[in-house]
């Protein structure tokens, strides 16, 4: 089961800052469970137990749909190098969209990225550390450039048409609220 506690401590903050990727899990009582790997420089641990994650435009938008109905979220970090460790952050979260008043203050925590779709604002209630003994050792070769290239091709068209076509509903047909006309 590992060690459970209520606050993100300094060792957790340092561990999180070193991780090149993390996983996000969400669900509602009646939806499919969604687990997504996330990379790039898109996560910040703010004051206290507040975590902010920048969600780029992607092929789906499950997290936003689930958070609108339920709010539960789990973030998981695995040590693929160094000492073994799995760190899970459990809490409640909400999606903040570019149209929302909080967006302008919170987006300043990140470098400008044209396809930014939402900020996921998490209040962490439980932290769990476990051994990670079976997580493989892996070598990071670098970031992929696929997202940057995809964004460069779409940037002149904007992203709202893509959101309307691909991101308005979850795989279970739940609204994601990515556009304000939902």
C-alpha atoms as a PDB file:
ATOM      1  CA  UNK A   1       0.000   0.000   0.000  1.00  0.00           C
ATOM      2  CA  UNK A   2       2.882   2.396   0.566  1.00  0.00           C
ATOM      3  CA  UNK A   3       2.961   5.495   2.701  1.00  0.00           C
ATOM      4  CA  UNK A   4      -0.001   7.886   2.679  1.00  0.00           C
ATOM      5  CA  UNK A   5      -0.077  11.458   3.914  1.00  0.00           C
ATOM      6  CA  UNK A   6      -1.979  14.674   3.270  1.00  0.00           C
ATOM      7  CA  UNK A   7       0.636  17.216   2.156  1.00  0.00           C
ATOM      8  CA  UNK A   8       2.993  17.454  -0.800  1.00  0.00           C
ATOM      9  CA  UNK A   9       6.400  17.721   0.882  1.00  0.00           C
ATOM     10  CA  UNK A  10       9.693  19.067  -0.436  1.00  0.00           C
ATOM     11  CA  UNK A  11      10.970  15.611  -1.438  1.00  0.00           C
ATOM     12  CA  UNK A  12       7.777  15.114  -3.490  1.00  0.00           C
ATOM     13  CA  UNK A  13       8.226  18.507  -5.163  1.00  0.00           C
ATOM     14  CA  UNK A  14      11.812  17.688  -6.127  1.00  0.00           C
ATOM     15  CA  UNK A  15      10.827  14.242  -7.426  1.00  0.00           C
ATOM     16  CA  UNK A  16       7.948  15.677  -9.503  1.00  0.00           C
ATOM     17  CA  UNK A  17      10.203  18.368 -10.991  1.00  0.00           C
ATOM     18  CA  UNK A  18      12.622  15.706 -12.276  1.00  0.00           C
ATOM     19  CA  UNK A  19      10.013  13.560 -14.022  1.00  0.00           C
ATOM     20  CA  UNK A  20       9.784  13.897 -17.822  1.00  0.00           C
ATOM     21  CA  UNK A  21       6.276  12.420 -17.844  1.00  0.00           C
ATOM     22  CA  UNK A  22       3.314  11.680 -15.613  1.00  0.00           C
ATOM     23  CA  UNK A  23      -0.039   9.952 -15.909  1.00  0.00           C
ATOM     24  CA  UNK A  24      -3.518  11.401 -15.348  1.00  0.00           C
ATOM     25  CA  UNK A  25      -6.525   9.240 -14.411  1.00  0.00           C
ATOM     26  CA  UNK A  26     -10.164  10.360 -14.220  1.00  0.00           C
ATOM     27  CA  UNK A  27     -13.624   8.816 -14.385  1.00  0.00           C
ATOM     28  CA  UNK A  28     -17.223   9.416 -13.431  1.00  0.00           C
ATOM     29  CA  UNK A  29     -19.450   6.846 -11.772  1.00  0.00           C
ATOM     30  CA  UNK A  30     -20.784   5.738 -15.167  1.00  0.00           C
ATOM     31  CA  UNK A  31     -17.977   6.524 -17.606  1.00  0.00           C
ATOM     32  CA  UNK A  32     -15.000   4.700 -18.955  1.00  0.00           C
ATOM     33  CA  UNK A  33     -11.872   5.195 -16.862  1.00  0.00           C
ATOM     34  CA  UNK A  34      -9.376   7.382 -18.684  1.00  0.00           C
ATOM     35  CA  UNK A  35      -5.619   7.185 -18.124  1.00  0.00           C
ATOM     36  CA  UNK A  36      -3.395   9.467 -20.171  1.00  0.00           C
ATOM     37  CA  UNK A  37       0.376   9.869 -20.287  1.00  0.00           C
ATOM     38  CA  UNK A  38       1.549  13.487 -20.269  1.00  0.00           C
ATOM     39  CA  UNK A  39       4.932  14.955 -21.079  1.00  0.00           C
ATOM     40  CA  UNK A  40       6.611  18.234 -21.866  1.00  0.00           C
ATOM     41  CA  UNK A  41       6.931  21.052 -19.356  1.00  0.00           C
ATOM     42  CA  UNK A  42       3.232  21.141 -18.441  1.00  0.00           C
ATOM     43  CA  UNK A  43       2.984  20.658 -14.678  1.00  0.00           C
ATOM     44  CA  UNK A  44       3.571  23.004 -11.748  1.00  0.00           C
ATOM     45  CA  UNK A  45       3.273  22.354  -8.027  1.00  0.00           C
ATOM     46  CA  UNK A  46       2.055  25.666  -6.638  1.00  0.00           C
ATOM     47  CA  UNK A  47       1.684  26.695  -3.009  1.00  0.00           C
ATOM     48  CA  UNK A  48       0.394  24.131  -0.545  1.00  0.00           C
ATOM     49  CA  UNK A  49      -1.271  21.172  -2.199  1.00  0.00           C
ATOM     50  CA  UNK A  50      -2.231  22.922  -5.399  1.00  0.00           C
ATOM     51  CA  UNK A  51      -1.051  21.440  -8.700  1.00  0.00           C
ATOM     52  CA  UNK A  52      -1.609  23.073 -12.073  1.00  0.00           C
ATOM     53  CA  UNK A  53      -1.333  21.192 -15.340  1.00  0.00           C
ATOM     54  CA  UNK A  54      -1.449  22.732 -18.824  1.00  0.00           C
ATOM     55  CA  UNK A  55      -3.538  20.549 -21.136  1.00  0.00           C
ATOM     56  CA  UNK A  56      -2.688  20.877 -24.814  1.00  0.00           C
ATOM     57  CA  UNK A  57      -5.150  20.213 -27.618  1.00  0.00           C
ATOM     58  CA  UNK A  58      -5.265  16.511 -28.355  1.00  0.00           C
ATOM     59  CA  UNK A  59      -7.306  13.839 -30.058  1.00  0.00           C
ATOM     60  CA  UNK A  60      -9.665  13.490 -27.082  1.00  0.00           C
ATOM     61  CA  UNK A  61     -10.742  15.489 -24.049  1.00  0.00           C
ATOM     62  CA  UNK A  62     -11.783  12.905 -21.481  1.00  0.00           C
ATOM     63  CA  UNK A  63     -10.263  14.651 -18.477  1.00  0.00           C
ATOM     64  CA  UNK A  64     -12.351  17.797 -18.908  1.00  0.00           C
ATOM     65  CA  UNK A  65     -15.566  15.802 -19.383  1.00  0.00           C
ATOM     66  CA  UNK A  66     -14.961  13.730 -16.258  1.00  0.00           C
ATOM     67  CA  UNK A  67     -13.953  16.707 -14.120  1.00  0.00           C
ATOM     68  CA  UNK A  68     -17.092  18.625 -15.093  1.00  0.00           C
ATOM     69  CA  UNK A  69     -19.233  15.830 -13.632  1.00  0.00           C
ATOM     70  CA  UNK A  70     -17.124  14.332 -10.873  1.00  0.00           C
ATOM     71  CA  UNK A  71     -13.914  16.256 -10.154  1.00  0.00           C
ATOM     72  CA  UNK A  72     -11.866  13.269  -8.973  1.00  0.00           C
ATOM     73  CA  UNK A  73      -8.349  13.035 -10.366  1.00  0.00           C
ATOM     74  CA  UNK A  74      -5.205  11.009  -9.775  1.00  0.00           C
ATOM     75  CA  UNK A  75      -1.763  12.042 -10.997  1.00  0.00           C
ATOM     76  CA  UNK A  76       0.945   9.366 -11.006  1.00  0.00           C
ATOM     77  CA  UNK A  77       4.688   9.803 -11.365  1.00  0.00           C
ATOM     78  CA  UNK A  78       7.092   6.858 -11.804  1.00  0.00           C
ATOM     79  CA  UNK A  79      10.865   6.878 -11.410  1.00  0.00           C
ATOM     80  CA  UNK A  80      12.193   5.409 -14.647  1.00  0.00           C
ATOM     81  CA  UNK A  81      15.750   6.330 -13.552  1.00  0.00           C
ATOM     82  CA  UNK A  82      17.459   6.438 -10.183  1.00  0.00           C
ATOM     83  CA  UNK A  83      15.900   5.043  -7.032  1.00  0.00           C
ATOM     84  CA  UNK A  84      12.552   3.272  -7.537  1.00  0.00           C
ATOM     85  CA  UNK A  85       9.458   5.230  -6.555  1.00  0.00           C
ATOM     86  CA  UNK A  86       5.829   5.660  -7.554  1.00  0.00           C
ATOM     87  CA  UNK A  87       4.178   8.857  -6.342  1.00  0.00           C
ATOM     88  CA  UNK A  88       0.414   9.300  -6.620  1.00  0.00           C
ATOM     89  CA  UNK A  89      -1.471  12.523  -5.965  1.00  0.00           C
ATOM     90  CA  UNK A  90      -5.212  12.132  -5.326  1.00  0.00           C
ATOM     91  CA  UNK A  91      -7.621  15.021  -5.246  1.00  0.00           C
ATOM     92  CA  UNK A  92     -10.289  17.125  -6.873  1.00  0.00           C
ATOM     93  CA  UNK A  93      -9.776  19.260  -9.951  1.00  0.00           C
ATOM     94  CA  UNK A  94     -11.513  21.543 -12.390  1.00  0.00           C
ATOM     95  CA  UNK A  95     -10.810  22.561 -15.960  1.00  0.00           C
ATOM     96  CA  UNK A  96     -10.139  26.227 -16.605  1.00  0.00           C
ATOM     97  CA  UNK A  97     -10.609  27.362 -20.204  1.00  0.00           C
ATOM     98  CA  UNK A  98      -9.098  30.364 -22.026  1.00  0.00           C
ATOM     99  CA  UNK A  99     -12.472  32.148 -21.721  1.00  0.00           C
ATOM    100  CA  UNK A 100     -12.477  31.844 -17.893  1.00  0.00           C
ATOM    101  CA  UNK A 101     -11.358  34.776 -15.737  1.00  0.00           C
ATOM    102  CA  UNK A 102      -8.733  32.708 -13.845  1.00  0.00           C
ATOM    103  CA  UNK A 103      -6.995  31.729 -17.095  1.00  0.00           C
ATOM    104  CA  UNK A 104      -5.017  34.949 -17.523  1.00  0.00           C
ATOM    105  CA  UNK A 105      -3.379  34.787 -14.089  1.00  0.00           C
ATOM    106  CA  UNK A 106      -2.709  31.038 -14.104  1.00  0.00           C
ATOM    107  CA  UNK A 107      -1.366  30.673 -17.648  1.00  0.00           C
ATOM    108  CA  UNK A 108       1.604  32.845 -16.641  1.00  0.00           C
ATOM    109  CA  UNK A 109       3.093  29.775 -14.923  1.00  0.00           C
ATOM    110  CA  UNK A 110       3.821  28.295 -18.360  1.00  0.00           C
ATOM    111  CA  UNK A 111       5.605  29.211 -21.565  1.00  0.00           C
ATOM    112  CA  UNK A 112       3.302  30.288 -24.370  1.00  0.00           C
ATOM    113  CA  UNK A 113       1.983  27.343 -26.369  1.00  0.00           C
ATOM    114  CA  UNK A 114      -0.535  28.011 -29.149  1.00  0.00           C
ATOM    115  CA  UNK A 115      -2.676  24.889 -28.665  1.00  0.00           C
ATOM    116  CA  UNK A 116      -3.232  25.330 -24.919  1.00  0.00           C
ATOM    117  CA  UNK A 117      -6.762  24.037 -24.389  1.00  0.00           C
ATOM    118  CA  UNK A 118      -7.310  23.974 -20.628  1.00  0.00           C
ATOM    119  CA  UNK A 119      -5.553  24.381 -17.346  1.00  0.00           C
ATOM    120  CA  UNK A 120      -6.362  21.617 -14.893  1.00  0.00           C
ATOM    121  CA  UNK A 121      -6.367  23.089 -11.385  1.00  0.00           C
ATOM    122  CA  UNK A 122      -5.964  20.330  -8.781  1.00  0.00           C
ATOM    123  CA  UNK A 123      -6.358  20.449  -5.017  1.00  0.00           C
ATOM    124  CA  UNK A 124      -4.510  17.413  -3.687  1.00  0.00           C
ATOM    125  CA  UNK A 125      -5.972  15.695  -0.624  1.00  0.00           C
ATOM    126  CA  UNK A 126      -3.855  12.536  -0.419  1.00  0.00           C
ATOM    127  CA  UNK A 127      -0.273  11.752  -1.380  1.00  0.00           C
ATOM    128  CA  UNK A 128       0.921   8.172  -1.668  1.00  0.00           C
ATOM    129  CA  UNK A 129       4.485   6.908  -2.076  1.00  0.00           C
ATOM    130  CA  UNK A 130       5.063   3.271  -3.005  1.00  0.00           C
ATOM    131  CA  UNK A 131       8.127   1.224  -3.876  1.00  0.00           C
ATOM    132  CA  UNK A 132       8.125   1.123  -7.666  1.00  0.00           C
ATOM    133  CA  UNK A 133      10.371  -1.954  -7.598  1.00  0.00           C
ATOM    134  CA  UNK A 134       8.878  -3.339 -10.822  1.00  0.00           C
ATOM    135  CA  UNK A 135       8.980  -0.076 -12.807  1.00  0.00           C
ATOM    136  CA  UNK A 136      11.672  -0.587 -15.472  1.00  0.00           C
ATOM    137  CA  UNK A 137      14.769   1.543 -15.784  1.00  0.00           C
ATOM    138  CA  UNK A 138      14.495   3.530 -18.993  1.00  0.00           C
ATOM    139  CA  UNK A 139      16.650   6.064 -20.787  1.00  0.00           C
ATOM    140  CA  UNK A 140      15.095   9.320 -21.979  1.00  0.00           C
ATOM    141  CA  UNK A 141      16.095  10.073 -25.559  1.00  0.00           C
ATOM    142  CA  UNK A 142      14.281  13.414 -25.676  1.00  0.00           C
ATOM    143  CA  UNK A 143      10.956  15.010 -26.433  1.00  0.00           C
ATOM    144  CA  UNK A 144       9.080  14.180 -29.610  1.00  0.00           C
ATOM    145  CA  UNK A 145       8.564  17.031 -32.064  1.00  0.00           C
ATOM    146  CA  UNK A 146       5.227  15.738 -33.407  1.00  0.00           C
ATOM    147  CA  UNK A 147       3.069  18.096 -31.330  1.00  0.00           C
ATOM    148  CA  UNK A 148       5.132  21.150 -32.229  1.00  0.00           C
ATOM    149  CA  UNK A 149       4.911  20.223 -35.946  1.00  0.00           C
ATOM    150  CA  UNK A 150       1.160  19.521 -35.755  1.00  0.00           C
ATOM    151  CA  UNK A 151       0.563  22.863 -34.048  1.00  0.00           C
ATOM    152  CA  UNK A 152       2.641  24.704 -36.659  1.00  0.00           C
ATOM    153  CA  UNK A 153       0.448  23.256 -39.435  1.00  0.00           C
ATOM    154  CA  UNK A 154      -2.838  24.139 -37.686  1.00  0.00           C
ATOM    155  CA  UNK A 155      -1.914  27.421 -36.030  1.00  0.00           C
ATOM    156  CA  UNK A 156      -3.054  29.689 -38.871  1.00  0.00           C
ATOM    157  CA  UNK A 157      -6.492  28.019 -38.863  1.00  0.00           C
ATOM    158  CA  UNK A 158      -6.880  28.275 -35.095  1.00  0.00           C
ATOM    159  CA  UNK A 159      -7.980  25.448 -32.863  1.00  0.00           C
ATOM    160  CA  UNK A 160     -11.677  26.100 -32.255  1.00  0.00           C
ATOM    161  CA  UNK A 161     -12.789  24.194 -35.364  1.00  0.00           C
ATOM    162  CA  UNK A 162     -10.716  21.204 -34.246  1.00  0.00           C
ATOM    163  CA  UNK A 163     -12.146  21.448 -30.719  1.00  0.00           C
ATOM    164  CA  UNK A 164     -15.667  21.589 -32.162  1.00  0.00           C
ATOM    165  CA  UNK A 165     -15.063  18.487 -34.289  1.00  0.00           C
ATOM    166  CA  UNK A 166     -12.884  16.343 -31.984  1.00  0.00           C
ATOM    167  CA  UNK A 167     -12.987  17.672 -28.419  1.00  0.00           C
ATOM    168  CA  UNK A 168     -16.589  18.577 -27.528  1.00  0.00           C
ATOM    169  CA  UNK A 169     -17.626  15.112 -26.338  1.00  0.00           C
ATOM    170  CA  UNK A 170     -15.857  12.330 -24.482  1.00  0.00           C
ATOM    171  CA  UNK A 171     -15.794   8.760 -25.815  1.00  0.00           C
ATOM    172  CA  UNK A 172     -18.893   8.172 -23.668  1.00  0.00           C
ATOM    173  CA  UNK A 173     -20.677  11.209 -25.138  1.00  0.00           C
ATOM    174  CA  UNK A 174     -20.155  13.478 -22.111  1.00  0.00           C
ATOM    175  CA  UNK A 175     -19.738  17.229 -22.802  1.00  0.00           C
ATOM    176  CA  UNK A 176     -16.217  18.578 -22.236  1.00  0.00           C
ATOM    177  CA  UNK A 177     -17.182  22.277 -22.166  1.00  0.00           C
ATOM    178  CA  UNK A 178     -14.159  23.138 -24.289  1.00  0.00           C
ATOM    179  CA  UNK A 179     -16.350  25.687 -26.087  1.00  0.00           C
ATOM    180  CA  UNK A 180     -18.672  28.054 -24.306  1.00  0.00           C
ATOM    181  CA  UNK A 181     -21.665  27.201 -26.509  1.00  0.00           C
ATOM    182  CA  UNK A 182     -22.205  23.729 -24.995  1.00  0.00           C
END
